[in-house]
Amino acid sequence: MNYETINYIILFAGLLGAVSLVLGRLFLPNRIILAIPLCIALGPFGHFYIKKGTQYFFAVILFSLLVSLLTENDIAHLVITVLFSVILMWLRFKISRIRTVEQGS
């Protein structure tokens, strides 16, 4: 496989991810069942599925940079970063649910 084909695959995957993110946010907002796969597929960009995702995006990027300094294995780096992104998204949902319950009481 040549580099041009790989570039097209990466471009297609990025466009598909962006479309999924936008359509998900418009038609299926605030669903954890969509948020977790977006975090797995898009990494830190998946945090834009929920409003105010910029700070979480940068948190995942900074965490990824820290992990890259601590490990030389690219696969381990990717897995650890994706797990952090997924856990962070899960925590965002839990915190938002707690706030909703507290405001409703």
N, C-alpha and C. Protein backbone atom coordinates (compact mmCIF):
# COMPACT_ATOMS: atom_id res chain seq x y z
N MET A 1 0.86 -1.16 0.00
CA MET A 1 0.00 0.00 0.00
C MET A 1 0.92 1.24 0.00
N ASN A 2 0.65 2.15 -0.90
CA ASN A 2 1.50 3.34 -0.99
C ASN A 2 0.98 4.46 -0.09
N TYR A 3 1.79 5.50 0.05
CA TYR A 3 1.46 6.59 0.96
C TYR A 3 0.23 7.36 0.51
N GLU A 4 0.01 7.47 -0.78
CA GLU A 4 -1.16 8.20 -1.27
C GLU A 4 -2.45 7.50 -0.85
N THR A 5 -2.46 6.18 -0.93
CA THR A 5 -3.64 5.42 -0.51
C THR A 5 -3.87 5.58 0.99
N ILE A 6 -2.80 5.52 1.76
CA ILE A 6 -2.91 5.69 3.21
C ILE A 6 -3.45 7.07 3.55
N ASN A 7 -2.98 8.08 2.84
CA ASN A 7 -3.48 9.45 3.08
C ASN A 7 -4.97 9.56 2.78
N TYR A 8 -5.43 8.90 1.71
CA TYR A 8 -6.85 8.92 1.39
C TYR A 8 -7.67 8.20 2.46
N ILE A 9 -7.13 7.11 2.97
CA ILE A 9 -7.83 6.37 4.03
C ILE A 9 -7.95 7.22 5.28
N ILE A 10 -6.86 7.89 5.65
CA ILE A 10 -6.88 8.76 6.82
C ILE A 10 -7.85 9.92 6.63
N LEU A 11 -7.85 10.52 5.45
CA LEU A 11 -8.78 11.61 5.14
C LEU A 11 -10.22 11.13 5.22
N PHE A 12 -10.51 9.97 4.64
CA PHE A 12 -11.86 9.41 4.68
C PHE A 12 -12.29 9.12 6.11
N ALA A 13 -11.39 8.55 6.91
CA ALA A 13 -11.72 8.24 8.31
C ALA A 13 -11.99 9.53 9.09
N GLY A 14 -11.20 10.57 8.84
CA GLY A 14 -11.41 11.84 9.52
C GLY A 14 -12.74 12.47 9.14
N LEU A 15 -13.07 12.43 7.86
CA LEU A 15 -14.35 12.98 7.42
C LEU A 15 -15.51 12.18 7.97
N LEU A 16 -15.39 10.87 7.98
CA LEU A 16 -16.43 10.02 8.53
C LEU A 16 -16.62 10.29 10.02
N GLY A 17 -15.51 10.47 10.73
CA GLY A 17 -15.59 10.80 12.15
C GLY A 17 -16.25 12.14 12.40
N ALA A 18 -15.89 13.14 11.60
CA ALA A 18 -16.48 14.47 11.76
C ALA A 18 -17.98 14.44 11.47
N VAL A 19 -18.38 13.74 10.43
CA VAL A 19 -19.80 13.62 10.10
C VAL A 19 -20.55 12.90 11.22
N SER A 20 -19.95 11.83 11.74
CA SER A 20 -20.58 11.09 12.84
C SER A 20 -20.76 11.98 14.06
N LEU A 21 -19.74 12.77 14.34
CA LEU A 21 -19.79 13.67 15.49
C LEU A 21 -20.90 14.70 15.35
N VAL A 22 -20.98 15.33 14.19
CA VAL A 22 -21.99 16.37 13.95
C VAL A 22 -23.39 15.77 13.94
N LEU A 23 -23.58 14.67 13.21
CA LEU A 23 -24.90 14.05 13.16
C LEU A 23 -25.33 13.52 14.52
N GLY A 24 -24.39 12.96 15.25
CA GLY A 24 -24.71 12.47 16.59
C GLY A 24 -25.12 13.59 17.51
N ARG A 25 -24.43 14.70 17.41
CA ARG A 25 -24.74 15.84 18.28
C ARG A 25 -26.11 16.44 17.93
N LEU A 26 -26.46 16.40 16.64
CA LEU A 26 -27.74 16.97 16.21
C LEU A 26 -28.92 16.05 16.51
N PHE A 27 -28.76 14.75 16.21
CA PHE A 27 -29.90 13.84 16.27
C PHE A 27 -29.93 12.94 17.50
N LEU A 28 -28.79 12.69 18.12
CA LEU A 28 -28.74 11.86 19.32
C LEU A 28 -27.89 12.55 20.39
N PRO A 29 -28.33 13.68 20.89
CA PRO A 29 -27.50 14.41 21.87
C PRO A 29 -27.47 13.71 23.22
N ASN A 30 -26.33 13.84 23.88
CA ASN A 30 -26.15 13.38 25.26
C ASN A 30 -26.51 11.91 25.47
N ARG A 31 -26.00 11.06 24.62
CA ARG A 31 -26.18 9.62 24.77
C ARG A 31 -24.82 8.98 24.99
N ILE A 32 -24.66 8.34 26.13
CA ILE A 32 -23.38 7.73 26.44
C ILE A 32 -23.06 6.59 25.48
N ILE A 33 -24.11 5.96 24.95
CA ILE A 33 -23.91 4.84 24.02
C ILE A 33 -23.28 5.31 22.71
N LEU A 34 -23.37 6.57 22.39
CA LEU A 34 -22.71 7.14 21.23
C LEU A 34 -21.40 7.84 21.62
N ALA A 35 -21.37 8.41 22.80
CA ALA A 35 -20.18 9.16 23.24
C ALA A 35 -18.96 8.27 23.40
N ILE A 36 -19.13 7.10 23.97
CA ILE A 36 -17.98 6.21 24.19
C ILE A 36 -17.37 5.74 22.87
N PRO A 37 -18.16 5.26 21.90
CA PRO A 37 -17.55 4.89 20.62
C PRO A 37 -16.88 6.07 19.91
N LEU A 38 -17.43 7.26 20.05
CA LEU A 38 -16.79 8.43 19.44
C LEU A 38 -15.43 8.70 20.09
N CYS A 39 -15.34 8.51 21.40
CA CYS A 39 -14.05 8.68 22.08
C CYS A 39 -13.05 7.61 21.66
N ILE A 40 -13.54 6.41 21.41
CA ILE A 40 -12.64 5.34 20.97
C ILE A 40 -12.17 5.61 19.55
N ALA A 41 -13.10 5.99 18.69
CA ALA A 41 -12.76 6.18 17.27
C ALA A 41 -12.00 7.48 17.00
N LEU A 42 -12.37 8.54 17.70
CA LEU A 42 -11.80 9.85 17.40
C LEU A 42 -10.84 10.37 18.45
N GLY A 43 -10.65 9.61 19.52
CA GLY A 43 -9.74 10.04 20.57
C GLY A 43 -10.24 11.30 21.23
N PRO A 44 -9.38 12.30 21.38
CA PRO A 44 -9.79 13.51 22.09
C PRO A 44 -10.88 14.29 21.36
N PHE A 45 -11.01 14.12 20.06
CA PHE A 45 -12.05 14.84 19.31
C PHE A 45 -13.45 14.36 19.69
N GLY A 46 -13.56 13.16 20.24
CA GLY A 46 -14.86 12.64 20.68
C GLY A 46 -15.48 13.47 21.79
N HIS A 47 -14.67 14.23 22.49
CA HIS A 47 -15.20 15.05 23.59
C HIS A 47 -15.99 16.26 23.10
N PHE A 48 -15.91 16.56 21.83
CA PHE A 48 -16.72 17.65 21.28
C PHE A 48 -18.16 17.23 21.06
N TYR A 49 -18.47 15.95 21.30
CA TYR A 49 -19.84 15.47 21.21
C TYR A 49 -20.72 16.17 22.24
N ILE A 50 -20.16 16.43 23.40
CA ILE A 50 -20.89 17.14 24.45
C ILE A 50 -20.39 18.58 24.47
N LYS A 51 -21.27 19.50 24.79
CA LYS A 51 -20.89 20.91 24.84
C LYS A 51 -19.75 21.12 25.83
N LYS A 52 -18.99 22.17 25.59
CA LYS A 52 -17.82 22.53 26.41
C LYS A 52 -16.76 21.43 26.40
N GLY A 53 -16.52 20.87 25.24
CA GLY A 53 -15.55 19.79 25.13
C GLY A 53 -14.12 20.24 24.96
N THR A 54 -13.90 21.53 24.79
CA THR A 54 -12.56 22.04 24.50
C THR A 54 -11.59 21.73 25.63
N GLN A 55 -11.98 21.95 26.86
CA GLN A 55 -11.07 21.71 27.98
C GLN A 55 -10.74 20.22 28.12
N TYR A 56 -11.69 19.36 27.82
CA TYR A 56 -11.45 17.93 27.89
C TYR A 56 -10.58 17.46 26.73
N PHE A 57 -10.77 18.08 25.58
CA PHE A 57 -9.92 17.80 24.43
C PHE A 57 -8.45 18.07 24.79
N PHE A 58 -8.19 19.24 25.36
CA PHE A 58 -6.82 19.59 25.74
C PHE A 58 -6.30 18.72 26.88
N ALA A 59 -7.18 18.30 27.78
CA ALA A 59 -6.77 17.40 28.87
C ALA A 59 -6.27 16.07 28.30
N VAL A 60 -6.98 15.53 27.32
CA VAL A 60 -6.56 14.27 26.71
C VAL A 60 -5.27 14.46 25.93
N ILE A 61 -5.13 15.59 25.23
CA ILE A 61 -3.90 15.86 24.48
C ILE A 61 -2.71 15.96 25.45
N LEU A 62 -2.86 16.68 26.54
CA LEU A 62 -1.78 16.81 27.52
C LEU A 62 -1.45 15.46 28.15
N PHE A 63 -2.48 14.68 28.46
CA PHE A 63 -2.24 13.34 29.01
C PHE A 63 -1.48 12.48 28.00
N SER A 64 -1.86 12.58 26.74
CA SER A 64 -1.18 11.82 25.69
C SER A 64 0.29 12.21 25.57
N LEU A 65 0.57 13.50 25.68
CA LEU A 65 1.96 13.95 25.65
C LEU A 65 2.75 13.41 26.84
N LEU A 66 2.12 13.40 28.00
CA LEU A 66 2.77 12.85 29.18
C LEU A 66 3.06 11.36 29.02
N VAL A 67 2.09 10.62 28.51
CA VAL A 67 2.28 9.19 28.29
C VAL A 67 3.38 8.94 27.26
N SER A 68 3.45 9.78 26.24
CA SER A 68 4.48 9.60 25.22
C SER A 68 5.88 9.80 25.80
N LEU A 69 6.00 10.62 26.84
CA LEU A 69 7.28 10.80 27.50
C LEU A 69 7.65 9.60 28.37
N LEU A 70 6.64 8.91 28.87
CA LEU A 70 6.87 7.80 29.80
C LEU A 70 7.01 6.44 29.12
N THR A 71 6.49 6.30 27.91
CA THR A 71 6.55 5.01 27.23
C THR A 71 7.04 5.19 25.80
N GLU A 72 7.76 4.21 25.33
CA GLU A 72 8.24 4.24 23.95
C GLU A 72 7.42 3.35 23.03
N ASN A 73 6.53 2.57 23.61
CA ASN A 73 5.70 1.66 22.84
C ASN A 73 4.48 2.41 22.30
N ASP A 74 4.36 2.50 20.98
CA ASP A 74 3.27 3.27 20.37
C ASP A 74 1.90 2.65 20.64
N ILE A 75 1.82 1.33 20.65
CA ILE A 75 0.53 0.67 20.90
C ILE A 75 0.08 0.93 22.34
N ALA A 76 0.99 0.81 23.28
CA ALA A 76 0.64 1.08 24.68
C ALA A 76 0.21 2.54 24.84
N HIS A 77 0.91 3.44 24.17
CA HIS A 77 0.57 4.86 24.22
C HIS A 77 -0.85 5.08 23.71
N LEU A 78 -1.19 4.47 22.60
CA LEU A 78 -2.52 4.61 22.02
C LEU A 78 -3.59 4.03 22.94
N VAL A 79 -3.35 2.85 23.45
CA VAL A 79 -4.35 2.19 24.32
C VAL A 79 -4.57 2.99 25.60
N ILE A 80 -3.50 3.45 26.22
CA ILE A 80 -3.61 4.22 27.47
C ILE A 80 -4.35 5.54 27.22
N THR A 81 -4.04 6.20 26.11
CA THR A 81 -4.70 7.46 25.79
C THR A 81 -6.19 7.27 25.52
N VAL A 82 -6.54 6.23 24.77
CA VAL A 82 -7.95 5.96 24.47
C VAL A 82 -8.70 5.59 25.75
N LEU A 83 -8.08 4.78 26.60
CA LEU A 83 -8.73 4.44 27.88
C LEU A 83 -8.97 5.69 28.73
N PHE A 84 -7.99 6.58 28.78
CA PHE A 84 -8.17 7.82 29.52
C PHE A 84 -9.31 8.64 28.94
N SER A 85 -9.38 8.72 27.62
CA SER A 85 -10.44 9.48 26.96
C SER A 85 -11.81 8.89 27.28
N VAL A 86 -11.92 7.57 27.24
CA VAL A 86 -13.20 6.90 27.53
C VAL A 86 -13.59 7.11 29.00
N ILE A 87 -12.64 6.95 29.91
CA ILE A 87 -12.94 7.15 31.34
C ILE A 87 -13.35 8.59 31.61
N LEU A 88 -12.67 9.52 30.97
CA LEU A 88 -13.02 10.94 31.13
C LEU A 88 -14.43 11.22 30.62
N MET A 89 -14.79 10.65 29.49
CA MET A 89 -16.15 10.83 28.96
C MET A 89 -17.18 10.21 29.89
N TRP A 90 -16.89 9.04 30.42
CA TRP A 90 -17.80 8.38 31.34
C TRP A 90 -18.00 9.25 32.58
N LEU A 91 -16.90 9.81 33.10
CA LEU A 91 -17.00 10.69 34.27
C LEU A 91 -17.81 11.95 33.95
N ARG A 92 -17.66 12.47 32.76
CA ARG A 92 -18.45 13.65 32.36
C ARG A 92 -19.94 13.34 32.43
N PHE A 93 -20.32 12.16 31.94
CA PHE A 93 -21.73 11.78 31.99
C PHE A 93 -22.21 11.59 33.42
N LYS A 94 -21.40 10.95 34.25
CA LYS A 94 -21.79 10.74 35.64
C LYS A 94 -21.95 12.06 36.37
N ILE A 95 -21.01 12.98 36.18
CA ILE A 95 -21.08 14.29 36.84
C ILE A 95 -22.30 15.07 36.36
N SER A 96 -22.59 15.00 35.05
CA SER A 96 -23.76 15.72 34.53
C SER A 96 -25.05 15.14 35.09
N ARG A 97 -25.10 13.83 35.27
CA ARG A 97 -26.30 13.20 35.87
C ARG A 97 -26.46 13.63 37.33
N ILE A 98 -25.35 13.68 38.06
CA ILE A 98 -25.41 14.10 39.47
C ILE A 98 -25.89 15.54 39.56
N ARG A 99 -25.37 16.41 38.69
CA ARG A 99 -25.81 17.81 38.69
C ARG A 99 -27.28 17.94 38.35
N THR A 100 -27.76 17.13 37.42
CA THR A 100 -29.17 17.16 37.04
C THR A 100 -30.05 16.76 38.23
N VAL A 101 -29.64 15.72 38.94
CA VAL A 101 -30.42 15.25 40.09
C VAL A 101 -30.41 16.32 41.19
N GLU A 102 -29.24 16.93 41.43
CA GLU A 102 -29.13 17.95 42.48
C GLU A 102 -29.97 19.18 42.15
N GLN A 103 -30.01 19.56 40.88
CA GLN A 103 -30.80 20.73 40.50
C GLN A 103 -32.28 20.43 40.54
N GLY A 104 -32.64 19.20 40.29
CA GLY A 104 -34.06 18.81 40.31
C GLY A 104 -34.62 18.70 41.71
N SER A 105 -33.76 18.51 42.70
CA SER A 105 -34.22 18.32 44.08
C SER A 105 -34.51 19.64 44.77
